[in-house]
N, C-alpha and C. Protein backbone atom coordinates (compact mmCIF):
# COMPACT_ATOMS: atom_id res chain seq x y z
N MET A 1 6.66 -190.87 55.00
CA MET A 1 6.81 -189.45 54.10
C MET A 1 6.60 -190.11 52.70
N ARG A 2 7.54 -191.48 52.47
CA ARG A 2 8.12 -191.56 51.25
C ARG A 2 6.58 -191.95 50.49
N GLU A 3 6.25 -193.14 51.14
CA GLU A 3 4.93 -193.56 50.74
C GLU A 3 3.86 -192.69 49.94
N ARG A 4 3.38 -191.82 50.79
CA ARG A 4 2.84 -190.80 50.55
C ARG A 4 2.92 -189.95 49.30
N ALA A 5 4.62 -189.91 48.86
CA ALA A 5 4.57 -189.11 48.10
C ALA A 5 4.52 -189.95 46.53
N THR A 6 4.70 -191.27 46.55
CA THR A 6 4.31 -192.35 45.60
C THR A 6 2.96 -192.55 45.07
N GLU A 7 1.99 -192.03 46.78
CA GLU A 7 0.46 -192.80 46.68
C GLU A 7 -0.11 -190.93 45.21
N THR A 8 0.33 -189.60 46.01
CA THR A 8 0.47 -189.02 44.95
C THR A 8 0.84 -188.96 43.96
N ARG A 9 1.89 -189.47 43.19
CA ARG A 9 2.49 -189.62 41.89
C ARG A 9 1.64 -190.35 40.91
N GLU A 10 1.25 -191.16 42.14
CA GLU A 10 0.08 -192.81 40.90
C GLU A 10 -1.23 -191.58 41.03
N LYS A 11 -1.75 -191.27 42.27
CA LYS A 11 -3.02 -190.33 41.62
C LYS A 11 -2.49 -189.72 40.40
N GLU A 12 -1.57 -189.39 40.37
CA GLU A 12 -1.13 -187.79 39.41
C GLU A 12 -1.10 -188.76 37.80
N ILE A 13 -1.03 -189.77 37.68
CA ILE A 13 -0.23 -191.13 36.65
C ILE A 13 -1.74 -191.46 36.52
N LEU A 14 -2.74 -191.64 37.10
CA LEU A 14 -4.28 -191.95 36.58
C LEU A 14 -4.90 -190.51 36.38
N MET A 15 -4.57 -189.89 36.66
CA MET A 15 -5.22 -188.45 36.24
C MET A 15 -5.25 -188.07 34.75
N GLN A 16 -3.76 -188.09 34.68
CA GLN A 16 -3.60 -188.08 33.30
C GLN A 16 -3.95 -189.24 32.22
N GLN A 17 -3.73 -190.76 33.04
CA GLN A 17 -4.40 -191.32 32.14
C GLN A 17 -6.18 -191.49 32.05
N TYR A 18 -6.43 -190.80 32.70
CA TYR A 18 -8.23 -190.61 32.90
C TYR A 18 -8.25 -189.29 31.38
N MET A 19 -7.40 -188.38 31.76
CA MET A 19 -7.36 -186.82 30.82
C MET A 19 -7.27 -187.75 29.34
N SER A 20 -6.69 -188.48 29.19
CA SER A 20 -6.08 -188.47 27.87
C SER A 20 -7.44 -189.34 27.60
N LEU A 21 -7.68 -189.95 27.91
CA LEU A 21 -8.89 -190.72 27.36
C LEU A 21 -10.09 -189.98 27.65
N ALA A 22 -10.14 -188.91 28.77
CA ALA A 22 -11.63 -188.24 28.22
C ALA A 22 -11.93 -187.36 27.15
N MET A 23 -10.40 -186.34 26.57
CA MET A 23 -10.47 -185.80 25.69
C MET A 23 -11.00 -186.34 24.65
N PRO A 24 -10.75 -187.60 24.07
CA PRO A 24 -11.29 -187.62 22.88
C PRO A 24 -12.88 -187.87 23.17
N LEU A 25 -13.22 -188.93 24.13
CA LEU A 25 -14.43 -189.19 24.23
C LEU A 25 -15.95 -188.31 24.22
N MET A 26 -15.02 -187.00 25.05
CA MET A 26 -15.62 -185.47 25.33
C MET A 26 -15.57 -185.57 23.73
N ALA A 27 -14.86 -185.23 22.97
CA ALA A 27 -14.58 -184.87 21.27
C ALA A 27 -15.52 -185.70 20.27
N VAL A 28 -15.70 -186.68 20.69
CA VAL A 28 -16.52 -187.51 20.25
C VAL A 28 -17.98 -187.79 20.57
N ALA A 29 -17.83 -187.12 21.82
CA ALA A 29 -19.52 -186.94 22.19
C ALA A 29 -20.33 -185.72 22.23
N GLY A 30 -19.11 -184.73 21.73
CA GLY A 30 -19.73 -183.58 21.46
C GLY A 30 -20.17 -183.46 19.93
N LEU A 31 -19.30 -183.72 18.88
CA LEU A 31 -19.40 -184.44 17.79
C LEU A 31 -20.73 -185.02 17.70
N GLY A 32 -21.15 -186.24 18.16
CA GLY A 32 -22.40 -186.68 18.14
C GLY A 32 -23.42 -186.02 18.64
N VAL A 33 -23.14 -184.99 19.65
CA VAL A 33 -24.35 -183.94 20.35
C VAL A 33 -24.62 -183.03 18.68
N ALA A 34 -23.93 -182.50 18.53
CA ALA A 34 -23.92 -181.77 16.82
C ALA A 34 -24.06 -182.48 16.00
N PHE A 35 -23.97 -183.44 15.51
CA PHE A 35 -25.10 -183.68 14.89
C PHE A 35 -25.93 -184.40 14.65
N ALA A 36 -26.22 -185.09 16.02
CA ALA A 36 -27.64 -185.01 16.15
C ALA A 36 -28.78 -183.84 16.01
N LEU A 37 -28.25 -182.81 16.77
CA LEU A 37 -29.28 -181.75 16.77
C LEU A 37 -29.19 -181.00 15.16
N GLY A 38 -27.69 -180.95 14.25
CA GLY A 38 -27.88 -180.46 13.01
C GLY A 38 -28.97 -181.18 12.09
N LEU A 39 -28.93 -182.49 12.63
CA LEU A 39 -29.61 -184.27 11.80
C LEU A 39 -31.22 -183.18 11.97
N THR A 40 -31.69 -183.15 13.25
CA THR A 40 -33.09 -183.13 13.63
C THR A 40 -33.28 -181.50 13.35
N MET A 41 -32.51 -180.71 13.45
CA MET A 41 -33.05 -179.15 12.46
C MET A 41 -33.25 -179.66 11.24
N TYR A 42 -32.50 -180.32 10.35
CA TYR A 42 -32.26 -180.32 9.00
C TYR A 42 -33.58 -181.31 8.44
N ARG A 43 -34.28 -182.51 9.28
CA ARG A 43 -35.07 -182.72 9.19
C ARG A 43 -36.19 -181.94 9.14
N ASN A 44 -36.20 -180.96 10.52
CA ASN A 44 -37.40 -180.55 10.60
C ASN A 44 -37.85 -179.43 9.68
N GLY A 45 -36.57 -178.95 9.15
CA GLY A 45 -36.27 -177.83 8.16
C GLY A 45 -37.34 -177.88 6.81
N ARG A 46 -37.03 -178.84 6.73
CA ARG A 46 -37.48 -180.27 5.68
C ARG A 46 -39.11 -181.38 5.29
N GLN A 47 -39.43 -181.10 6.80
CA GLN A 47 -40.76 -181.43 6.94
C GLN A 47 -41.41 -180.31 6.75
N LYS A 48 -41.29 -178.40 7.05
CA LYS A 48 -41.76 -177.32 6.83
C LYS A 48 -41.73 -177.02 5.44
N GLU A 49 -40.27 -177.34 4.61
CA GLU A 49 -40.81 -177.50 3.15
C GLU A 49 -41.66 -177.56 2.66
N LYS A 50 -41.81 -179.03 2.77
CA LYS A 50 -43.08 -179.99 2.54
C LYS A 50 -44.08 -179.56 2.05
N GLU A 51 -44.44 -179.14 3.90
CA GLU A 51 -45.69 -178.02 4.23
C GLU A 51 -46.06 -177.02 3.37
N ASN A 52 -45.01 -176.18 3.12
CA ASN A 52 -45.31 -175.35 2.50
C ASN A 52 -45.39 -175.46 0.67
N HIS A 53 -45.17 -176.12 0.17
CA HIS A 53 -44.93 -176.67 -1.42
C HIS A 53 -45.07 -178.22 -1.53
N PRO A 54 -46.23 -178.49 -1.52
CA PRO A 54 -47.20 -179.52 -1.58
C PRO A 54 -46.93 -179.92 -2.81
N ASP A 55 -45.89 -181.47 -3.21
CA ASP A 55 -46.10 -181.76 -4.40
C ASP A 55 -47.42 -182.07 -5.54
């Protein structure tokens, strides 16, 4: 029974380590997606402006 307890404890520690790694990774990924979306929307908007107002 003792071996099982240590096994679950190790799994808990692994999960905590994984979560502490996953959180910043997910935050960075979310920022990257938001940045890419904002950039494409900005560039599309600029292109439309140029079409409406040719220099």
